[in-house]
Amino acid sequence: MPGNKVYVQGSYIDIHDNENVYLSVDKAEVKLGDQPIAKPKPNAQRPEALCNPEALEAMQLLQEAELLDADWQPIKLSGPERGLVAREVCLKLEINEVWQTFGQLWGEKPETLRGYMNKAMDQKKSLDFQKKLKNILY
């Protein structure tokens, strides 16, 4: 779209092939100028495992740290960071179905979140983010 400005607001995935950028806009609003191109999907229903006072408290702590929005959707978190958030919350709340729970909440495939978590374990910078999460949640 040469000469046009494209605005993306909300969660999106940026995929590169070194020449083109593809955006998955499942939860983003994309505008060309002032005209919407794509609208966000309505938020998925919260998983039952996250419908208790302990979960509410944990998610509020993540909101206060500006990692999640009011709908418990990630704010500018990379895939590996989302994987770490899902795992850490589920460890705190003793939820066994980590990837299914957060996959449902965030509209992602469970195997994708698990893959992000595996990638996070290979990244040195993930250690700092894990420490940050522990300081927020505990």
N, C-alpha and C. Protein backbone atom coordinates (compact mmCIF):
# COMPACT_ATOMS: atom_id res chain seq x y z
N MET A 1 0.83 -1.17 0.00
CA MET A 1 0.00 0.00 0.00
C MET A 1 0.88 1.25 0.00
N PRO A 2 1.65 1.47 -1.04
CA PRO A 2 2.54 2.62 -1.09
C PRO A 2 1.77 3.93 -0.90
N GLY A 3 2.38 4.82 -0.12
CA GLY A 3 1.77 6.13 0.09
C GLY A 3 0.67 6.17 1.13
N ASN A 4 0.24 5.02 1.64
CA ASN A 4 -0.81 4.97 2.65
C ASN A 4 -0.21 4.60 3.99
N LYS A 5 -0.79 5.11 5.05
CA LYS A 5 -0.36 4.74 6.39
C LYS A 5 -1.29 3.66 6.91
N VAL A 6 -0.71 2.61 7.45
CA VAL A 6 -1.49 1.53 8.04
C VAL A 6 -1.21 1.54 9.53
N TYR A 7 -2.26 1.56 10.34
CA TYR A 7 -2.15 1.56 11.79
C TYR A 7 -2.65 0.23 12.32
N VAL A 8 -1.91 -0.34 13.27
CA VAL A 8 -2.31 -1.58 13.93
C VAL A 8 -2.36 -1.30 15.42
N GLN A 9 -3.50 -1.57 16.02
CA GLN A 9 -3.66 -1.37 17.46
C GLN A 9 -4.15 -2.67 18.06
N GLY A 10 -3.48 -3.15 19.08
CA GLY A 10 -3.88 -4.38 19.75
C GLY A 10 -2.84 -5.45 19.55
N SER A 11 -3.18 -6.68 19.88
CA SER A 11 -2.25 -7.81 19.79
C SER A 11 -2.16 -8.29 18.35
N TYR A 12 -0.98 -8.51 17.89
CA TYR A 12 -0.79 -9.06 16.56
C TYR A 12 0.52 -9.82 16.50
N ILE A 13 0.67 -10.64 15.49
CA ILE A 13 1.88 -11.41 15.29
C ILE A 13 2.55 -10.90 14.03
N ASP A 14 3.83 -10.61 14.12
CA ASP A 14 4.61 -10.07 13.02
C ASP A 14 5.48 -11.20 12.47
N ILE A 15 5.24 -11.63 11.24
CA ILE A 15 5.98 -12.74 10.64
C ILE A 15 6.74 -12.20 9.43
N HIS A 16 8.04 -12.44 9.40
CA HIS A 16 8.89 -11.93 8.33
C HIS A 16 9.37 -13.04 7.42
N ASP A 17 9.54 -12.74 6.13
CA ASP A 17 10.29 -13.63 5.24
C ASP A 17 11.42 -12.84 4.58
N ASN A 18 11.91 -11.83 5.29
CA ASN A 18 13.00 -10.94 4.89
C ASN A 18 12.62 -9.93 3.82
N GLU A 19 11.50 -10.07 3.16
CA GLU A 19 11.06 -9.08 2.19
C GLU A 19 9.68 -8.54 2.53
N ASN A 20 8.82 -9.40 3.03
CA ASN A 20 7.45 -9.03 3.33
C ASN A 20 7.18 -9.21 4.81
N VAL A 21 6.23 -8.46 5.32
CA VAL A 21 5.78 -8.62 6.70
C VAL A 21 4.31 -9.00 6.65
N TYR A 22 3.97 -10.07 7.34
CA TYR A 22 2.58 -10.54 7.39
C TYR A 22 2.10 -10.36 8.82
N LEU A 23 0.93 -9.80 8.98
CA LEU A 23 0.37 -9.60 10.31
C LEU A 23 -0.83 -10.50 10.50
N SER A 24 -0.83 -11.27 11.58
CA SER A 24 -2.01 -12.02 11.96
C SER A 24 -2.78 -11.12 12.90
N VAL A 25 -3.96 -10.71 12.50
CA VAL A 25 -4.68 -9.67 13.24
C VAL A 25 -5.90 -10.22 13.97
N ASP A 26 -5.76 -11.40 14.56
CA ASP A 26 -6.89 -12.00 15.25
C ASP A 26 -7.45 -11.11 16.34
N LYS A 27 -6.59 -10.40 17.06
CA LYS A 27 -7.05 -9.58 18.17
C LYS A 27 -6.66 -8.12 17.97
N ALA A 28 -6.34 -7.74 16.76
CA ALA A 28 -5.90 -6.37 16.50
C ALA A 28 -6.93 -5.65 15.64
N GLU A 29 -6.89 -4.35 15.72
CA GLU A 29 -7.69 -3.52 14.84
C GLU A 29 -6.73 -2.86 13.87
N VAL A 30 -6.97 -3.04 12.60
CA VAL A 30 -6.09 -2.49 11.59
C VAL A 30 -6.85 -1.42 10.82
N LYS A 31 -6.22 -0.25 10.65
CA LYS A 31 -6.87 0.86 9.93
C LYS A 31 -5.97 1.31 8.80
N LEU A 32 -6.57 1.64 7.70
CA LEU A 32 -5.90 2.29 6.59
C LEU A 32 -6.41 3.72 6.62
N GLY A 33 -5.55 4.64 7.07
CA GLY A 33 -6.03 6.00 7.34
C GLY A 33 -6.99 5.93 8.52
N ASP A 34 -8.22 6.37 8.33
CA ASP A 34 -9.24 6.30 9.38
C ASP A 34 -10.22 5.15 9.18
N GLN A 35 -10.06 4.38 8.12
CA GLN A 35 -11.02 3.32 7.79
C GLN A 35 -10.55 1.98 8.33
N PRO A 36 -11.37 1.30 9.16
CA PRO A 36 -11.00 -0.03 9.65
C PRO A 36 -10.88 -1.03 8.51
N ILE A 37 -9.84 -1.87 8.60
CA ILE A 37 -9.65 -2.96 7.64
C ILE A 37 -10.08 -4.27 8.29
N ALA A 38 -9.71 -4.44 9.54
CA ALA A 38 -10.06 -5.66 10.27
C ALA A 38 -10.42 -5.27 11.69
N LYS A 39 -11.38 -5.93 12.26
CA LYS A 39 -11.80 -5.65 13.62
C LYS A 39 -11.41 -6.80 14.53
N PRO A 40 -11.15 -6.51 15.80
CA PRO A 40 -10.79 -7.59 16.72
C PRO A 40 -11.95 -8.54 16.95
N LYS A 41 -11.59 -9.81 17.18
CA LYS A 41 -12.61 -10.79 17.54
C LYS A 41 -13.03 -10.54 18.98
N PRO A 42 -14.26 -10.88 19.34
CA PRO A 42 -14.65 -10.72 20.74
C PRO A 42 -13.80 -11.65 21.61
N ASN A 43 -13.56 -11.21 22.83
CA ASN A 43 -12.71 -12.00 23.72
C ASN A 43 -13.33 -13.37 24.00
N ALA A 44 -12.44 -14.35 24.06
CA ALA A 44 -12.88 -15.70 24.40
C ALA A 44 -13.34 -15.71 25.86
N GLN A 45 -14.20 -16.64 26.16
CA GLN A 45 -14.66 -16.78 27.53
C GLN A 45 -13.49 -17.24 28.39
N ARG A 46 -13.43 -16.76 29.60
CA ARG A 46 -12.33 -17.13 30.50
C ARG A 46 -12.46 -18.59 30.89
N PRO A 47 -11.34 -19.30 30.85
CA PRO A 47 -11.35 -20.72 31.24
C PRO A 47 -11.76 -20.87 32.70
N GLU A 48 -12.42 -21.96 32.98
CA GLU A 48 -12.89 -22.23 34.35
C GLU A 48 -11.76 -22.20 35.36
N ALA A 49 -10.58 -22.69 34.97
CA ALA A 49 -9.43 -22.74 35.88
C ALA A 49 -9.01 -21.35 36.34
N LEU A 50 -9.40 -20.31 35.61
CA LEU A 50 -9.03 -18.94 35.98
C LEU A 50 -10.20 -18.17 36.60
N CYS A 51 -11.25 -18.89 36.98
CA CYS A 51 -12.43 -18.25 37.57
C CYS A 51 -12.49 -18.51 39.06
N ASN A 52 -11.52 -17.98 39.78
CA ASN A 52 -11.48 -18.12 41.23
C ASN A 52 -10.72 -16.91 41.79
N PRO A 53 -10.86 -16.66 43.08
CA PRO A 53 -10.21 -15.46 43.67
C PRO A 53 -8.69 -15.43 43.51
N GLU A 54 -8.04 -16.58 43.62
CA GLU A 54 -6.57 -16.63 43.48
C GLU A 54 -6.15 -16.23 42.08
N ALA A 55 -6.88 -16.74 41.09
CA ALA A 55 -6.56 -16.40 39.70
C ALA A 55 -6.82 -14.92 39.44
N LEU A 56 -7.92 -14.42 39.96
CA LEU A 56 -8.24 -13.00 39.79
C LEU A 56 -7.12 -12.13 40.37
N GLU A 57 -6.64 -12.50 41.54
CA GLU A 57 -5.55 -11.74 42.16
C GLU A 57 -4.28 -11.78 41.30
N ALA A 58 -3.93 -12.96 40.80
CA ALA A 58 -2.73 -13.10 39.97
C ALA A 58 -2.85 -12.28 38.69
N MET A 59 -4.00 -12.35 38.07
CA MET A 59 -4.20 -11.62 36.82
C MET A 59 -4.23 -10.11 37.07
N GLN A 60 -4.76 -9.67 38.20
CA GLN A 60 -4.75 -8.25 38.53
C GLN A 60 -3.32 -7.75 38.75
N LEU A 61 -2.48 -8.59 39.36
CA LEU A 61 -1.08 -8.23 39.54
C LEU A 61 -0.39 -8.04 38.19
N LEU A 62 -0.71 -8.92 37.24
CA LEU A 62 -0.13 -8.81 35.90
C LEU A 62 -0.67 -7.59 35.16
N GLN A 63 -1.93 -7.22 35.43
CA GLN A 63 -2.49 -6.00 34.86
C GLN A 63 -1.78 -4.77 35.42
N GLU A 64 -1.59 -4.75 36.72
CA GLU A 64 -0.93 -3.62 37.36
C GLU A 64 0.50 -3.45 36.84
N ALA A 65 1.14 -4.55 36.48
CA ALA A 65 2.49 -4.53 35.92
C ALA A 65 2.47 -4.22 34.42
N GLU A 66 1.27 -4.00 33.89
CA GLU A 66 1.04 -3.67 32.48
C GLU A 66 1.53 -4.76 31.52
N LEU A 67 1.37 -6.01 31.96
CA LEU A 67 1.66 -7.16 31.09
C LEU A 67 0.38 -7.68 30.45
N LEU A 68 -0.76 -7.47 31.12
CA LEU A 68 -2.07 -7.88 30.60
C LEU A 68 -3.01 -6.68 30.62
N ASP A 69 -3.96 -6.68 29.68
CA ASP A 69 -4.96 -5.62 29.67
C ASP A 69 -6.16 -6.03 30.54
N ALA A 70 -7.20 -5.24 30.52
CA ALA A 70 -8.38 -5.49 31.35
C ALA A 70 -9.10 -6.78 31.00
N ASP A 71 -8.91 -7.27 29.77
CA ASP A 71 -9.51 -8.53 29.34
C ASP A 71 -8.55 -9.70 29.50
N TRP A 72 -7.44 -9.47 30.19
CA TRP A 72 -6.41 -10.48 30.45
C TRP A 72 -5.67 -10.90 29.19
N GLN A 73 -5.63 -10.01 28.22
CA GLN A 73 -4.89 -10.27 26.98
C GLN A 73 -3.49 -9.65 27.11
N PRO A 74 -2.48 -10.31 26.55
CA PRO A 74 -1.11 -9.81 26.67
C PRO A 74 -0.94 -8.43 26.01
N ILE A 75 -0.13 -7.61 26.65
CA ILE A 75 0.20 -6.29 26.11
C ILE A 75 1.65 -6.31 25.65
N LYS A 76 1.85 -6.27 24.35
CA LYS A 76 3.19 -6.19 23.75
C LYS A 76 4.15 -7.26 24.29
N LEU A 77 3.67 -8.47 24.49
CA LEU A 77 4.54 -9.56 24.92
C LEU A 77 4.89 -10.42 23.72
N SER A 78 6.13 -10.82 23.64
CA SER A 78 6.56 -11.72 22.57
C SER A 78 5.97 -13.11 22.84
N GLY A 79 6.06 -13.98 21.86
CA GLY A 79 5.59 -15.35 22.05
C GLY A 79 6.26 -16.03 23.23
N PRO A 80 7.60 -16.01 23.31
CA PRO A 80 8.26 -16.62 24.47
C PRO A 80 7.83 -16.00 25.80
N GLU A 81 7.61 -14.70 25.83
CA GLU A 81 7.15 -14.06 27.07
C GLU A 81 5.74 -14.53 27.43
N ARG A 82 4.88 -14.69 26.44
CA ARG A 82 3.53 -15.21 26.72
C ARG A 82 3.61 -16.63 27.27
N GLY A 83 4.49 -17.43 26.70
CA GLY A 83 4.68 -18.79 27.22
C GLY A 83 5.12 -18.79 28.67
N LEU A 84 6.03 -17.88 29.01
CA LEU A 84 6.51 -17.78 30.39
C LEU A 84 5.41 -17.31 31.33
N VAL A 85 4.61 -16.34 30.90
CA VAL A 85 3.50 -15.86 31.74
C VAL A 85 2.52 -17.00 32.01
N ALA A 86 2.15 -17.73 30.96
CA ALA A 86 1.21 -18.84 31.12
C ALA A 86 1.75 -19.87 32.10
N ARG A 87 3.00 -20.25 31.92
CA ARG A 87 3.58 -21.27 32.80
C ARG A 87 3.66 -20.77 34.24
N GLU A 88 4.10 -19.54 34.45
CA GLU A 88 4.29 -19.03 35.80
C GLU A 88 2.96 -18.89 36.54
N VAL A 89 1.93 -18.40 35.84
CA VAL A 89 0.61 -18.28 36.46
C VAL A 89 0.08 -19.66 36.84
N CYS A 90 0.24 -20.62 35.95
CA CYS A 90 -0.26 -21.97 36.22
C CYS A 90 0.52 -22.66 37.34
N LEU A 91 1.81 -22.38 37.44
CA LEU A 91 2.57 -22.91 38.58
C LEU A 91 2.04 -22.33 39.89
N LYS A 92 1.82 -21.03 39.89
CA LYS A 92 1.32 -20.36 41.11
C LYS A 92 -0.06 -20.89 41.50
N LEU A 93 -0.92 -21.09 40.50
CA LEU A 93 -2.30 -21.50 40.78
C LEU A 93 -2.50 -23.02 40.77
N GLU A 94 -1.42 -23.75 40.54
CA GLU A 94 -1.46 -25.22 40.48
C GLU A 94 -2.45 -25.73 39.43
N ILE A 95 -2.37 -25.11 38.25
CA ILE A 95 -3.18 -25.52 37.11
C ILE A 95 -2.34 -26.44 36.25
N ASN A 96 -2.82 -27.65 36.00
CA ASN A 96 -2.06 -28.62 35.21
C ASN A 96 -2.17 -28.40 33.71
N GLU A 97 -3.29 -27.91 33.25
CA GLU A 97 -3.53 -27.74 31.81
C GLU A 97 -3.09 -26.33 31.37
N VAL A 98 -1.78 -26.08 31.46
CA VAL A 98 -1.23 -24.75 31.19
C VAL A 98 -1.60 -24.25 29.80
N TRP A 99 -1.23 -25.03 28.80
CA TRP A 99 -1.33 -24.55 27.41
C TRP A 99 -2.77 -24.50 26.93
N GLN A 100 -3.60 -25.44 27.39
CA GLN A 100 -5.01 -25.41 27.02
C GLN A 100 -5.70 -24.21 27.66
N THR A 101 -5.37 -23.95 28.94
CA THR A 101 -6.00 -22.85 29.66
C THR A 101 -5.69 -21.51 29.01
N PHE A 102 -4.41 -21.25 28.78
CA PHE A 102 -4.04 -19.95 28.21
C PHE A 102 -4.26 -19.90 26.71
N GLY A 103 -4.23 -21.04 26.05
CA GLY A 103 -4.59 -21.07 24.63
C GLY A 103 -6.03 -20.63 24.44
N GLN A 104 -6.91 -21.11 25.31
CA GLN A 104 -8.32 -20.71 25.25
C GLN A 104 -8.47 -19.22 25.57
N LEU A 105 -7.80 -18.77 26.61
CA LEU A 105 -7.92 -17.38 27.03
C LEU A 105 -7.41 -16.41 25.96
N TRP A 106 -6.29 -16.76 25.34
CA TRP A 106 -5.65 -15.84 24.40
C TRP A 106 -5.94 -16.16 22.94
N GLY A 107 -6.74 -17.18 22.69
CA GLY A 107 -7.08 -17.52 21.32
C GLY A 107 -5.90 -18.04 20.52
N GLU A 108 -5.02 -18.79 21.18
CA GLU A 108 -3.85 -19.37 20.53
C GLU A 108 -3.92 -20.88 20.64
N LYS A 109 -3.27 -21.56 19.72
CA LYS A 109 -3.20 -23.01 19.80
C LYS A 109 -2.30 -23.40 20.97
N PRO A 110 -2.73 -24.38 21.78
CA PRO A 110 -1.91 -24.80 22.92
C PRO A 110 -0.49 -25.20 22.51
N GLU A 111 -0.37 -25.90 21.38
CA GLU A 111 0.97 -26.34 20.95
C GLU A 111 1.85 -25.15 20.55
N THR A 112 1.23 -24.06 20.11
CA THR A 112 2.01 -22.86 19.78
C THR A 112 2.56 -22.24 21.05
N LEU A 113 1.72 -22.13 22.08
CA LEU A 113 2.19 -21.59 23.37
C LEU A 113 3.29 -22.45 23.97
N ARG A 114 3.13 -23.76 23.90
CA ARG A 114 4.15 -24.67 24.41
C ARG A 114 5.46 -24.47 23.65
N GLY A 115 5.36 -24.29 22.34
CA GLY A 115 6.56 -24.03 21.53
C GLY A 115 7.23 -22.73 21.92
N TYR A 116 6.42 -21.69 22.20
CA TYR A 116 6.99 -20.42 22.65
C TYR A 116 7.74 -20.61 23.97
N MET A 117 7.17 -21.43 24.86
CA MET A 117 7.82 -21.68 26.15
C MET A 117 9.16 -22.38 25.93
N ASN A 118 9.18 -23.36 25.04
CA ASN A 118 10.43 -24.05 24.74
C ASN A 118 11.47 -23.08 24.18
N LYS A 119 11.03 -22.18 23.32
CA LYS A 119 11.93 -21.17 22.76
C LYS A 119 12.47 -20.27 23.86
N ALA A 120 11.61 -19.91 24.81
CA ALA A 120 12.02 -19.05 25.92
C ALA A 120 13.14 -19.70 26.73
N MET A 121 13.08 -21.01 26.87
CA MET A 121 14.10 -21.71 27.66
C MET A 121 15.48 -21.66 26.98
N ASP A 122 15.50 -21.39 25.68
CA ASP A 122 16.76 -21.30 24.94
C ASP A 122 17.29 -19.87 24.86
N GLN A 123 16.56 -18.91 25.42
CA GLN A 123 16.95 -17.52 25.32
C GLN A 123 17.45 -17.00 26.66
N LYS A 124 18.63 -16.43 26.63
CA LYS A 124 19.24 -15.90 27.85
C LYS A 124 18.41 -14.77 28.47
N LYS A 125 17.81 -13.93 27.59
CA LYS A 125 17.04 -12.80 28.10
C LYS A 125 15.79 -13.24 28.85
N SER A 126 15.38 -14.48 28.69
CA SER A 126 14.19 -14.99 29.39
C SER A 126 14.40 -15.05 30.89
N LEU A 127 15.64 -15.19 31.33
CA LEU A 127 15.92 -15.26 32.77
C LEU A 127 15.47 -13.98 33.47
N ASP A 128 15.76 -12.83 32.87
CA ASP A 128 15.34 -11.56 33.46
C ASP A 128 13.82 -11.45 33.51
N PHE A 129 13.16 -11.89 32.44
CA PHE A 129 11.70 -11.83 32.41
C PHE A 129 11.10 -12.78 33.45
N GLN A 130 11.71 -13.96 33.63
CA GLN A 130 11.22 -14.89 34.65
C GLN A 130 11.34 -14.27 36.05
N LYS A 131 12.45 -13.61 36.31
CA LYS A 131 12.64 -12.94 37.60
C LYS A 131 11.57 -11.86 37.80
N LYS A 132 11.32 -11.11 36.74
CA LYS A 132 10.29 -10.06 36.80
C LYS A 132 8.93 -10.67 37.14
N LEU A 133 8.58 -11.78 36.49
CA LEU A 133 7.29 -12.44 36.76
C LEU A 133 7.21 -12.92 38.20
N LYS A 134 8.28 -13.52 38.69
CA LYS A 134 8.27 -14.01 40.07
C LYS A 134 8.09 -12.85 41.05
N ASN A 135 8.74 -11.72 40.78
CA ASN A 135 8.58 -10.54 41.65
C ASN A 135 7.16 -10.01 41.61
N ILE A 136 6.51 -10.11 40.48
CA ILE A 136 5.13 -9.63 40.35
C ILE A 136 4.16 -10.57 41.05
N LEU A 137 4.33 -11.86 40.83
CA LEU A 137 3.33 -12.84 41.29
C LEU A 137 3.52 -13.32 42.73
N TYR A 138 4.74 -13.20 43.27
CA TYR A 138 4.99 -13.76 44.61
C TYR A 138 5.41 -12.69 45.60
